[in-house]
């Protein structure tokens, strides 16, 4: 299998499967996943996360849960293909930003690093600039749901709205929050409502 064929397969499974993680977990064992750009994803398997916020374990486990959640929510999306690719790539910046600080695992600015890496990843596989732009924008801003609802100083609604579709950010943010073993669906739905109110929906 070459890179172009693998990209097409992944694209189809992301858009069509009820649980795309089944295919992605299987294909991640293939030798081609040890090559760039797919190696950017494999690194998630060795990227630990805070057990307090991520009882599911490493960033790969979390990403697989987020992808499957996005597959459930894609009917609400204005751009389902971008949403699913963004779900797969949303934490691609964590391997480069994860640190142990004062006994806590952190990944500050992983969304900014991730946006750049998402562009690099997709640009090696497709010339669909609209897809690349949409996915990178969602990766860049996916933490805004947490920042806005948590009244954190990192919120930047105006820049987010200039660069991406805030409805899609809300959807991806919801999937991100639900991609955990102890997720509270009702609570996260309320957080999304609050986020949309503050954005101006």
N, C-alpha and C. Protein backbone atom coordinates (compact mmCIF):
# COMPACT_ATOMS: atom_id res chain seq x y z
N UNK A 1 0.84 -1.19 0.00
CA UNK A 1 0.00 0.00 0.00
C UNK A 1 0.89 1.25 0.00
N UNK A 2 0.60 2.19 -0.89
CA UNK A 2 1.36 3.44 -0.89
C UNK A 2 0.61 4.52 -0.11
N UNK A 3 1.24 5.68 0.04
CA UNK A 3 0.65 6.75 0.85
C UNK A 3 -0.67 7.25 0.27
N UNK A 4 -0.74 7.39 -1.04
CA UNK A 4 -1.96 7.89 -1.67
C UNK A 4 -3.13 6.94 -1.41
N UNK A 5 -2.86 5.62 -1.54
CA UNK A 5 -3.92 4.64 -1.30
C UNK A 5 -4.35 4.65 0.16
N UNK A 6 -3.38 4.77 1.06
CA UNK A 6 -3.71 4.79 2.48
C UNK A 6 -4.54 6.03 2.82
N UNK A 7 -4.17 7.18 2.27
CA UNK A 7 -4.95 8.39 2.51
C UNK A 7 -6.39 8.21 2.05
N UNK A 8 -6.58 7.63 0.86
CA UNK A 8 -7.93 7.43 0.35
C UNK A 8 -8.72 6.46 1.22
N UNK A 9 -8.06 5.42 1.69
CA UNK A 9 -8.73 4.46 2.58
C UNK A 9 -9.14 5.14 3.89
N UNK A 10 -8.21 5.89 4.46
CA UNK A 10 -8.51 6.58 5.72
C UNK A 10 -9.64 7.58 5.52
N UNK A 11 -9.60 8.29 4.43
CA UNK A 11 -10.64 9.27 4.12
C UNK A 11 -12.01 8.60 4.06
N UNK A 12 -12.07 7.47 3.39
CA UNK A 12 -13.34 6.75 3.27
C UNK A 12 -13.83 6.23 4.62
N UNK A 13 -12.94 5.62 5.38
CA UNK A 13 -13.35 5.07 6.67
C UNK A 13 -13.76 6.17 7.64
N UNK A 14 -13.05 7.30 7.63
CA UNK A 14 -13.42 8.41 8.51
C UNK A 14 -14.82 8.91 8.20
N UNK A 15 -15.15 8.97 6.94
CA UNK A 15 -16.44 9.53 6.55
C UNK A 15 -17.60 8.53 6.63
N UNK A 16 -17.29 7.26 6.48
CA UNK A 16 -18.37 6.28 6.31
C UNK A 16 -18.59 5.35 7.50
N UNK A 17 -17.55 5.10 8.31
CA UNK A 17 -17.68 4.11 9.39
C UNK A 17 -18.39 4.69 10.61
N UNK A 18 -19.11 3.83 11.30
CA UNK A 18 -19.72 4.23 12.57
C UNK A 18 -18.66 4.39 13.64
N UNK A 19 -17.64 3.54 13.59
CA UNK A 19 -16.51 3.62 14.54
C UNK A 19 -15.20 3.54 13.73
N UNK A 20 -14.76 4.67 13.17
CA UNK A 20 -13.54 4.67 12.36
C UNK A 20 -12.30 4.19 13.10
N UNK A 21 -12.33 4.24 14.42
CA UNK A 21 -11.15 3.83 15.20
C UNK A 21 -10.79 2.37 14.96
N UNK A 22 -11.76 1.53 14.63
CA UNK A 22 -11.48 0.12 14.39
C UNK A 22 -10.50 -0.02 13.23
N UNK A 23 -10.79 0.65 12.13
CA UNK A 23 -9.90 0.62 10.96
C UNK A 23 -8.56 1.29 11.28
N UNK A 24 -8.61 2.46 11.91
CA UNK A 24 -7.38 3.22 12.15
C UNK A 24 -6.44 2.46 13.09
N UNK A 25 -6.99 1.85 14.12
CA UNK A 25 -6.15 1.04 15.01
C UNK A 25 -5.50 -0.11 14.25
N UNK A 26 -6.25 -0.73 13.36
CA UNK A 26 -5.71 -1.86 12.61
C UNK A 26 -4.61 -1.40 11.65
N UNK A 27 -4.88 -0.36 10.89
CA UNK A 27 -3.91 0.07 9.87
C UNK A 27 -2.68 0.71 10.50
N UNK A 28 -2.82 1.18 11.73
CA UNK A 28 -1.67 1.81 12.40
C UNK A 28 -0.55 0.81 12.68
N UNK A 29 -0.87 -0.48 12.58
CA UNK A 29 0.15 -1.51 12.79
C UNK A 29 0.95 -1.80 11.52
N UNK A 30 0.53 -1.23 10.39
CA UNK A 30 1.22 -1.45 9.12
C UNK A 30 2.54 -0.68 9.09
N UNK A 31 3.55 -1.23 8.41
CA UNK A 31 4.86 -0.55 8.34
C UNK A 31 4.79 0.88 7.82
N UNK A 32 3.86 1.17 6.92
CA UNK A 32 3.77 2.51 6.34
C UNK A 32 3.47 3.57 7.39
N UNK A 33 2.87 3.16 8.50
CA UNK A 33 2.57 4.11 9.57
C UNK A 33 3.82 4.52 10.34
N UNK A 34 4.94 3.86 10.06
CA UNK A 34 6.21 4.27 10.68
C UNK A 34 6.92 5.32 9.83
N UNK A 35 6.33 5.63 8.67
CA UNK A 35 6.91 6.62 7.76
C UNK A 35 6.17 7.95 7.93
N UNK A 36 6.83 9.03 7.49
CA UNK A 36 6.14 10.32 7.46
C UNK A 36 5.17 10.34 6.29
N UNK A 37 4.02 11.02 6.42
CA UNK A 37 3.62 11.82 7.57
C UNK A 37 2.91 11.03 8.67
N UNK A 38 2.63 9.74 8.43
CA UNK A 38 1.81 8.98 9.38
C UNK A 38 2.49 8.81 10.73
N UNK A 39 3.82 8.89 10.74
CA UNK A 39 4.54 8.78 12.00
C UNK A 39 4.12 9.89 12.98
N UNK A 40 3.67 11.02 12.45
CA UNK A 40 3.17 12.10 13.32
C UNK A 40 2.03 11.60 14.20
N UNK A 41 1.23 10.69 13.66
CA UNK A 41 0.12 10.13 14.44
C UNK A 41 0.58 9.04 15.39
N UNK A 42 1.48 8.18 14.93
CA UNK A 42 1.98 7.08 15.77
C UNK A 42 2.56 7.61 17.07
N UNK A 43 3.18 8.79 17.02
CA UNK A 43 3.80 9.36 18.22
C UNK A 43 2.79 9.56 19.35
N UNK A 44 1.52 9.67 19.00
CA UNK A 44 0.49 9.84 20.03
C UNK A 44 0.42 8.64 20.96
N UNK A 45 0.83 7.47 20.46
CA UNK A 45 0.77 6.26 21.29
C UNK A 45 1.75 6.33 22.46
N UNK A 46 2.78 7.14 22.32
CA UNK A 46 3.78 7.28 23.37
C UNK A 46 3.68 8.62 24.09
N UNK A 47 2.56 9.29 23.92
CA UNK A 47 2.37 10.59 24.55
C UNK A 47 1.39 10.45 25.70
N UNK A 48 1.92 10.50 26.91
CA UNK A 48 1.07 10.32 28.09
C UNK A 48 0.28 11.59 28.38
N UNK A 49 -0.83 11.40 29.08
CA UNK A 49 -1.69 12.51 29.46
C UNK A 49 -2.00 12.42 30.95
N UNK A 50 -2.48 13.52 31.51
CA UNK A 50 -2.85 13.54 32.92
C UNK A 50 -4.00 12.55 33.16
N UNK A 51 -3.80 11.64 34.09
CA UNK A 51 -4.85 10.66 34.38
C UNK A 51 -6.08 11.32 34.99
N UNK A 52 -5.89 12.49 35.58
CA UNK A 52 -7.01 13.22 36.16
C UNK A 52 -8.02 13.62 35.08
N UNK A 53 -7.50 14.07 33.95
CA UNK A 53 -8.37 14.54 32.86
C UNK A 53 -8.55 13.50 31.76
N UNK A 54 -7.64 12.53 31.72
CA UNK A 54 -7.68 11.54 30.65
C UNK A 54 -7.48 10.12 31.20
N UNK A 55 -8.49 9.59 31.88
CA UNK A 55 -8.35 8.23 32.42
C UNK A 55 -8.23 7.17 31.34
N UNK A 56 -8.52 7.55 30.09
CA UNK A 56 -8.40 6.58 28.99
C UNK A 56 -6.95 6.29 28.62
N UNK A 57 -6.02 7.13 29.13
CA UNK A 57 -4.61 6.84 28.90
C UNK A 57 -3.95 7.81 27.93
N UNK A 58 -3.15 7.28 27.02
CA UNK A 58 -2.32 8.12 26.16
C UNK A 58 -3.14 8.90 25.12
N UNK A 59 -2.45 9.77 24.41
CA UNK A 59 -3.13 10.67 23.45
C UNK A 59 -3.72 9.91 22.28
N UNK A 60 -3.16 8.75 21.96
CA UNK A 60 -3.75 7.93 20.89
C UNK A 60 -5.11 7.39 21.32
N UNK A 61 -5.18 6.82 22.52
CA UNK A 61 -6.46 6.31 23.02
C UNK A 61 -7.53 7.40 23.01
N UNK A 62 -7.14 8.58 23.47
CA UNK A 62 -8.06 9.71 23.48
C UNK A 62 -8.50 10.07 22.07
N UNK A 63 -7.56 10.13 21.14
CA UNK A 63 -7.88 10.49 19.77
C UNK A 63 -8.85 9.50 19.14
N UNK A 64 -8.67 8.23 19.40
CA UNK A 64 -9.59 7.23 18.85
C UNK A 64 -11.02 7.43 19.38
N UNK A 65 -11.14 7.77 20.64
CA UNK A 65 -12.47 8.06 21.21
C UNK A 65 -13.08 9.31 20.58
N UNK A 66 -12.26 10.31 20.33
CA UNK A 66 -12.74 11.56 19.73
C UNK A 66 -13.19 11.31 18.30
N UNK A 67 -12.44 10.53 17.55
CA UNK A 67 -12.81 10.21 16.17
C UNK A 67 -14.16 9.49 16.13
N UNK A 68 -14.36 8.54 17.02
CA UNK A 68 -15.63 7.81 17.04
C UNK A 68 -16.79 8.72 17.46
N UNK A 69 -16.52 9.64 18.36
CA UNK A 69 -17.55 10.61 18.75
C UNK A 69 -17.89 11.52 17.58
N UNK A 70 -16.87 11.95 16.84
CA UNK A 70 -17.11 12.81 15.67
C UNK A 70 -17.94 12.08 14.62
N UNK A 71 -17.73 10.78 14.49
CA UNK A 71 -18.53 9.99 13.55
C UNK A 71 -20.00 10.00 13.95
N UNK A 72 -20.27 10.04 15.26
CA UNK A 72 -21.66 10.12 15.74
C UNK A 72 -22.28 11.50 15.47
N UNK A 73 -21.46 12.54 15.55
CA UNK A 73 -21.95 13.90 15.50
C UNK A 73 -21.88 14.53 14.10
N UNK A 74 -21.34 13.81 13.12
CA UNK A 74 -21.08 14.41 11.81
C UNK A 74 -22.34 14.90 11.10
N UNK A 75 -23.50 14.36 11.48
CA UNK A 75 -24.75 14.81 10.88
C UNK A 75 -25.08 16.26 11.21
N UNK A 76 -24.46 16.79 12.26
CA UNK A 76 -24.68 18.19 12.63
C UNK A 76 -23.65 19.13 12.00
N UNK A 77 -22.69 18.54 11.30
CA UNK A 77 -21.58 19.32 10.77
C UNK A 77 -21.91 19.96 9.43
N UNK A 78 -21.36 21.15 9.22
CA UNK A 78 -21.45 21.82 7.92
C UNK A 78 -20.37 21.30 6.97
N UNK A 79 -19.37 20.62 7.54
CA UNK A 79 -18.25 20.10 6.75
C UNK A 79 -17.75 18.81 7.41
N UNK A 80 -18.51 17.72 7.25
CA UNK A 80 -18.19 16.48 7.96
C UNK A 80 -16.79 15.95 7.67
N UNK A 81 -16.34 16.07 6.43
CA UNK A 81 -15.01 15.55 6.09
C UNK A 81 -13.93 16.27 6.90
N UNK A 82 -14.01 17.59 6.96
CA UNK A 82 -13.03 18.36 7.74
C UNK A 82 -13.15 18.03 9.23
N UNK A 83 -14.37 17.88 9.71
CA UNK A 83 -14.57 17.56 11.13
C UNK A 83 -13.88 16.26 11.50
N UNK A 84 -14.04 15.23 10.66
CA UNK A 84 -13.45 13.92 10.98
C UNK A 84 -11.93 13.96 10.90
N UNK A 85 -11.39 14.64 9.90
CA UNK A 85 -9.93 14.76 9.84
C UNK A 85 -9.39 15.60 11.00
N UNK A 86 -10.12 16.63 11.36
CA UNK A 86 -9.70 17.44 12.51
C UNK A 86 -9.76 16.63 13.80
N UNK A 87 -10.75 15.76 13.94
CA UNK A 87 -10.83 14.90 15.12
C UNK A 87 -9.60 13.99 15.18
N UNK A 88 -9.18 13.46 14.03
CA UNK A 88 -8.01 12.59 14.00
C UNK A 88 -6.72 13.35 14.31
N UNK A 89 -6.65 14.60 13.86
CA UNK A 89 -5.40 15.36 13.96
C UNK A 89 -5.40 16.40 15.08
N UNK A 90 -6.47 16.49 15.86
CA UNK A 90 -6.61 17.63 16.78
C UNK A 90 -5.50 17.70 17.82
N UNK A 91 -4.94 16.57 18.21
CA UNK A 91 -3.88 16.57 19.23
C UNK A 91 -2.52 16.20 18.65
N UNK A 92 -2.34 16.37 17.36
CA UNK A 92 -1.10 15.99 16.71
C UNK A 92 0.10 16.80 17.23
N UNK A 93 -0.20 17.92 17.87
CA UNK A 93 0.85 18.75 18.45
C UNK A 93 1.29 18.33 19.85
N UNK A 94 0.58 17.39 20.46
CA UNK A 94 0.92 17.00 21.84
C UNK A 94 2.29 16.35 22.01
N UNK A 95 2.73 15.49 21.09
CA UNK A 95 4.05 14.89 21.29
C UNK A 95 5.17 15.93 21.41
N UNK A 96 5.03 17.06 20.72
CA UNK A 96 6.07 18.08 20.76
C UNK A 96 5.92 19.06 21.93
N UNK A 97 4.79 19.04 22.60
CA UNK A 97 4.54 20.05 23.63
C UNK A 97 4.32 19.46 25.02
N UNK A 98 4.21 18.16 25.12
CA UNK A 98 3.92 17.53 26.42
C UNK A 98 5.17 17.54 27.31
N UNK A 99 4.97 18.05 28.51
CA UNK A 99 6.06 18.18 29.49
C UNK A 99 5.54 17.82 30.88
N UNK A 100 6.45 17.44 31.74
CA UNK A 100 6.13 17.28 33.15
C UNK A 100 6.51 18.57 33.86
N UNK A 101 5.55 19.27 34.40
CA UNK A 101 5.80 20.54 35.10
C UNK A 101 5.25 20.44 36.52
N UNK A 102 6.13 20.55 37.48
CA UNK A 102 5.74 20.51 38.89
C UNK A 102 4.87 19.29 39.19
N UNK A 103 5.27 18.17 38.64
CA UNK A 103 4.57 16.93 38.89
C UNK A 103 3.31 16.72 38.08
N UNK A 104 3.02 17.62 37.14
CA UNK A 104 1.81 17.51 36.31
C UNK A 104 2.19 17.43 34.84
N UNK A 105 1.44 16.59 34.11
CA UNK A 105 1.65 16.49 32.67
C UNK A 105 0.87 17.61 31.99
N UNK A 106 1.57 18.42 31.19
CA UNK A 106 0.93 19.52 30.48
C UNK A 106 1.28 19.45 28.99
N UNK A 107 0.48 20.15 28.19
CA UNK A 107 0.75 20.22 26.75
C UNK A 107 0.35 21.61 26.26
N UNK A 108 0.93 22.63 26.88
CA UNK A 108 0.59 24.01 26.54
C UNK A 108 0.86 24.30 25.08
N UNK A 109 -0.08 24.99 24.45
CA UNK A 109 0.02 25.43 23.05
C UNK A 109 0.04 24.27 22.05
N UNK A 110 -0.43 23.12 22.46
CA UNK A 110 -0.43 22.00 21.50
C UNK A 110 -1.35 22.28 20.31
N UNK A 111 -2.36 23.13 20.52
CA UNK A 111 -3.26 23.44 19.42
C UNK A 111 -2.57 24.31 18.36
N UNK A 112 -1.68 25.19 18.78
CA UNK A 112 -0.95 26.04 17.83
C UNK A 112 0.08 25.21 17.05
N UNK A 113 0.85 24.41 17.76
CA UNK A 113 1.80 23.52 17.11
C UNK A 113 1.06 22.52 16.23
N UNK A 114 -0.07 22.04 16.73
CA UNK A 114 -0.86 21.06 15.99
C UNK A 114 -1.41 21.59 14.67
N UNK A 115 -1.79 22.86 14.63
CA UNK A 115 -2.30 23.43 13.39
C UNK A 115 -1.25 23.39 12.30
N UNK A 116 -0.02 23.71 12.68
CA UNK A 116 1.10 23.68 11.72
C UNK A 116 1.36 22.24 11.25
N UNK A 117 1.38 21.30 12.18
CA UNK A 117 1.63 19.92 11.83
C UNK A 117 0.50 19.31 11.01
N UNK A 118 -0.73 19.71 11.30
CA UNK A 118 -1.88 19.22 10.53
C UNK A 118 -1.75 19.64 9.07
N UNK A 119 -1.32 20.89 8.87
CA UNK A 119 -1.08 21.36 7.49
C UNK A 119 -0.01 20.51 6.81
N UNK A 120 1.09 20.28 7.52
CA UNK A 120 2.18 19.50 6.96
C UNK A 120 1.73 18.07 6.64
N UNK A 121 0.98 17.49 7.56
CA UNK A 121 0.49 16.12 7.39
C UNK A 121 -0.35 16.01 6.12
N UNK A 122 -1.36 16.85 6.02
CA UNK A 122 -2.30 16.76 4.90
C UNK A 122 -1.66 17.19 3.58
N UNK A 123 -0.77 18.16 3.62
CA UNK A 123 -0.14 18.66 2.39
C UNK A 123 0.70 17.58 1.72
N UNK A 124 1.17 16.61 2.50
CA UNK A 124 1.94 15.50 1.92
C UNK A 124 1.05 14.45 1.27
N UNK A 125 -0.26 14.58 1.48
CA UNK A 125 -1.18 13.53 1.03
C UNK A 125 -2.25 14.01 0.06
N UNK A 126 -2.53 15.31 0.06
CA UNK A 126 -3.60 15.84 -0.79
C UNK A 126 -3.27 17.27 -1.21
N UNK A 127 -3.80 17.65 -2.37
CA UNK A 127 -3.67 19.04 -2.81
C UNK A 127 -4.97 19.80 -2.62
N UNK A 128 -5.87 19.24 -1.81
CA UNK A 128 -7.15 19.88 -1.50
C UNK A 128 -6.90 20.99 -0.46
N UNK A 129 -6.60 22.18 -0.96
CA UNK A 129 -6.25 23.28 -0.06
C UNK A 129 -7.41 23.70 0.84
N UNK A 130 -8.62 23.54 0.36
CA UNK A 130 -9.78 23.89 1.20
C UNK A 130 -9.87 22.95 2.40
N UNK A 131 -9.66 21.66 2.18
CA UNK A 131 -9.67 20.70 3.29
C UNK A 131 -8.54 21.03 4.26
N UNK A 132 -7.35 21.26 3.74
CA UNK A 132 -6.20 21.54 4.60
C UNK A 132 -6.46 22.77 5.46
N UNK A 133 -6.98 23.83 4.84
CA UNK A 133 -7.26 25.07 5.56
C UNK A 133 -8.31 24.85 6.64
N UNK A 134 -9.37 24.14 6.31
CA UNK A 134 -10.45 23.91 7.26
C UNK A 134 -9.99 23.08 8.45
N UNK A 135 -9.24 22.01 8.18
CA UNK A 135 -8.77 21.14 9.25
C UNK A 135 -7.79 21.88 10.15
N UNK A 136 -6.84 22.59 9.54
CA UNK A 136 -5.86 23.32 10.34
C UNK A 136 -6.53 24.36 11.22
N UNK A 137 -7.56 25.02 10.71
CA UNK A 137 -8.29 26.01 11.50
C UNK A 137 -8.97 25.39 12.70
N UNK A 138 -9.58 24.23 12.50
CA UNK A 138 -10.26 23.55 13.61
C UNK A 138 -9.25 23.06 14.66
N UNK A 139 -8.14 22.53 14.18
CA UNK A 139 -7.10 22.08 15.13
C UNK A 139 -6.59 23.28 15.94
N UNK A 140 -6.35 24.39 15.24
CA UNK A 140 -5.82 25.58 15.91
C UNK A 140 -6.75 26.07 17.01
N UNK A 141 -8.05 26.00 16.80
CA UNK A 141 -8.98 26.65 17.72
C UNK A 141 -9.80 25.68 18.57
N UNK A 142 -9.47 24.39 18.55
CA UNK A 142 -10.33 23.43 19.22
C UNK A 142 -10.36 23.58 20.74
N UNK A 143 -9.37 24.26 21.31
CA UNK A 143 -9.35 24.45 22.76
C UNK A 143 -10.21 25.63 23.22
N UNK A 144 -10.76 26.38 22.28
CA UNK A 144 -11.52 27.57 22.66
C UNK A 144 -12.77 27.26 23.48
N UNK A 145 -13.37 26.11 23.25
CA UNK A 145 -14.54 25.74 24.06
C UNK A 145 -14.16 25.73 25.54
N UNK A 146 -13.05 25.09 25.87
CA UNK A 146 -12.58 25.04 27.26
C UNK A 146 -12.19 26.43 27.74
N UNK A 147 -11.47 27.17 26.91
CA UNK A 147 -11.00 28.49 27.32
C UNK A 147 -12.16 29.45 27.57
N UNK A 148 -13.16 29.40 26.72
CA UNK A 148 -14.30 30.33 26.84
C UNK A 148 -15.18 29.95 28.03
N UNK A 149 -15.55 28.67 28.12
CA UNK A 149 -16.45 28.26 29.21
C UNK A 149 -15.75 28.29 30.56
N UNK A 150 -14.42 28.19 30.55
CA UNK A 150 -13.67 28.24 31.80
C UNK A 150 -13.20 29.63 32.16
N UNK A 151 -13.63 30.63 31.36
CA UNK A 151 -13.23 32.03 31.59
C UNK A 151 -11.71 32.18 31.69
N UNK A 152 -11.00 31.49 30.81
CA UNK A 152 -9.55 31.52 30.81
C UNK A 152 -9.03 32.63 29.89
N UNK A 153 -7.85 33.16 30.18
CA UNK A 153 -7.34 34.31 29.42
C UNK A 153 -6.92 33.97 28.00
N UNK A 154 -6.92 32.68 27.65
CA UNK A 154 -6.47 32.27 26.32
C UNK A 154 -7.60 32.35 25.28
N UNK A 155 -8.79 32.69 25.72
CA UNK A 155 -9.92 32.80 24.79
C UNK A 155 -9.68 33.97 23.84
N UNK A 156 -9.97 33.75 22.56
CA UNK A 156 -9.82 34.80 21.55
C UNK A 156 -10.89 34.58 20.49
N UNK A 157 -12.11 34.97 20.83
CA UNK A 157 -13.25 34.68 19.97
C UNK A 157 -13.17 35.39 18.63
N UNK A 158 -12.69 36.61 18.62
CA UNK A 158 -12.66 37.37 17.36
C UNK A 158 -11.71 36.72 16.36
N UNK A 159 -10.53 36.36 16.82
CA UNK A 159 -9.57 35.69 15.92
C UNK A 159 -10.11 34.35 15.46
N UNK A 160 -10.73 33.62 16.37
CA UNK A 160 -11.30 32.32 16.01
C UNK A 160 -12.34 32.47 14.91
N UNK A 161 -13.24 33.45 15.06
CA UNK A 161 -14.30 33.64 14.07
C UNK A 161 -13.76 34.10 12.73
N UNK A 162 -12.64 34.81 12.74
CA UNK A 162 -12.03 35.23 11.47
C UNK A 162 -11.43 34.05 10.72
N UNK A 163 -10.92 33.08 11.48
CA UNK A 163 -10.12 32.03 10.87
C UNK A 163 -10.84 30.71 10.64
N UNK A 164 -11.99 30.52 11.28
CA UNK A 164 -12.64 29.22 11.14
C UNK A 164 -14.12 29.35 11.44
N UNK A 165 -14.83 28.25 11.31
CA UNK A 165 -16.28 28.20 11.54
C UNK A 165 -16.51 27.81 13.01
N UNK A 166 -17.04 28.75 13.79
CA UNK A 166 -17.15 28.48 15.23
C UNK A 166 -18.13 27.35 15.55
N UNK A 167 -19.09 27.11 14.65
CA UNK A 167 -20.01 25.99 14.87
C UNK A 167 -19.23 24.67 14.82
N UNK A 168 -18.30 24.58 13.86
CA UNK A 168 -17.48 23.38 13.75
C UNK A 168 -16.52 23.26 14.93
N UNK A 169 -16.02 24.39 15.42
CA UNK A 169 -15.19 24.39 16.62
C UNK A 169 -15.99 23.84 17.80
N UNK A 170 -17.25 24.25 17.90
CA UNK A 170 -18.11 23.76 18.99
C UNK A 170 -18.29 22.25 18.88
N UNK A 171 -18.53 21.77 17.67
CA UNK A 171 -18.71 20.32 17.48
C UNK A 171 -17.44 19.55 17.84
N UNK A 172 -16.30 20.02 17.32
CA UNK A 172 -15.04 19.34 17.62
C UNK A 172 -14.73 19.42 19.11
N UNK A 173 -14.99 20.58 19.70
CA UNK A 173 -14.76 20.73 21.14
C UNK A 173 -15.60 19.77 21.95
N UNK A 174 -16.84 19.56 21.53
CA UNK A 174 -17.72 18.62 22.20
C UNK A 174 -17.17 17.20 22.07
N UNK A 175 -16.77 16.84 20.86
CA UNK A 175 -16.20 15.50 20.64
C UNK A 175 -14.93 15.31 21.46
N UNK A 176 -14.13 16.35 21.56
CA UNK A 176 -12.90 16.30 22.34
C UNK A 176 -13.22 16.02 23.81
N UNK A 177 -14.20 16.72 24.33
CA UNK A 177 -14.57 16.53 25.74
C UNK A 177 -15.21 15.16 25.97
N UNK A 178 -15.93 14.65 24.97
CA UNK A 178 -16.58 13.35 25.11
C UNK A 178 -15.61 12.20 24.89
N UNK A 179 -14.43 12.47 24.37
CA UNK A 179 -13.45 11.43 24.10
C UNK A 179 -12.66 11.05 25.33
N UNK A 180 -13.35 10.80 26.41
CA UNK A 180 -12.74 10.42 27.69
C UNK A 180 -13.61 9.35 28.32
N UNK A 181 -13.01 8.53 29.15
CA UNK A 181 -13.76 7.41 29.72
C UNK A 181 -14.81 7.85 30.73
N UNK A 182 -14.62 9.03 31.33
CA UNK A 182 -15.56 9.47 32.37
C UNK A 182 -16.40 10.67 31.91
N UNK A 183 -16.61 10.81 30.60
CA UNK A 183 -17.30 11.99 30.07
C UNK A 183 -18.75 12.06 30.53
N UNK A 184 -19.19 13.27 30.83
CA UNK A 184 -20.56 13.54 31.25
C UNK A 184 -21.26 14.26 30.09
N UNK A 185 -22.05 13.53 29.31
CA UNK A 185 -22.65 14.08 28.09
C UNK A 185 -23.52 15.30 28.37
N UNK A 186 -24.36 15.22 29.40
CA UNK A 186 -25.26 16.33 29.71
C UNK A 186 -24.47 17.59 30.08
N UNK A 187 -23.43 17.41 30.87
CA UNK A 187 -22.60 18.55 31.27
C UNK A 187 -21.91 19.16 30.06
N UNK A 188 -21.37 18.32 29.17
CA UNK A 188 -20.65 18.84 28.00
C UNK A 188 -21.61 19.51 27.02
N UNK A 189 -22.82 19.03 26.92
CA UNK A 189 -23.82 19.69 26.07
C UNK A 189 -24.13 21.08 26.60
N UNK A 190 -24.19 21.22 27.91
CA UNK A 190 -24.42 22.55 28.50
C UNK A 190 -23.25 23.47 28.24
N UNK A 191 -22.03 22.93 28.30
CA UNK A 191 -20.85 23.73 28.01
C UNK A 191 -20.86 24.24 26.57
N UNK A 192 -21.31 23.41 25.65
CA UNK A 192 -21.38 23.83 24.25
C UNK A 192 -22.42 24.93 24.08
N UNK A 193 -23.55 24.81 24.76
CA UNK A 193 -24.57 25.86 24.70
C UNK A 193 -24.00 27.19 25.21
N UNK A 194 -23.28 27.11 26.31
CA UNK A 194 -22.66 28.32 26.87
C UNK A 194 -21.65 28.91 25.92
N UNK A 195 -20.84 28.07 25.31
CA UNK A 195 -19.83 28.54 24.34
C UNK A 195 -20.52 29.26 23.18
N UNK A 196 -21.57 28.65 22.64
CA UNK A 196 -22.26 29.26 21.49
C UNK A 196 -22.93 30.58 21.88
N UNK A 197 -23.45 30.64 23.09
CA UNK A 197 -24.04 31.91 23.57
C UNK A 197 -22.99 33.00 23.61
N UNK A 198 -21.81 32.66 24.10
CA UNK A 198 -20.76 33.68 24.23
C UNK A 198 -20.16 34.06 22.89
N UNK A 199 -20.18 33.12 21.95
CA UNK A 199 -19.69 33.45 20.61
C UNK A 199 -20.70 34.36 19.90
N UNK A 200 -21.97 34.22 20.26
CA UNK A 200 -22.98 35.08 19.66
C UNK A 200 -23.99 34.34 18.81
N UNK A 201 -24.10 33.03 19.02
CA UNK A 201 -25.06 32.23 18.24
C UNK A 201 -26.49 32.61 18.60
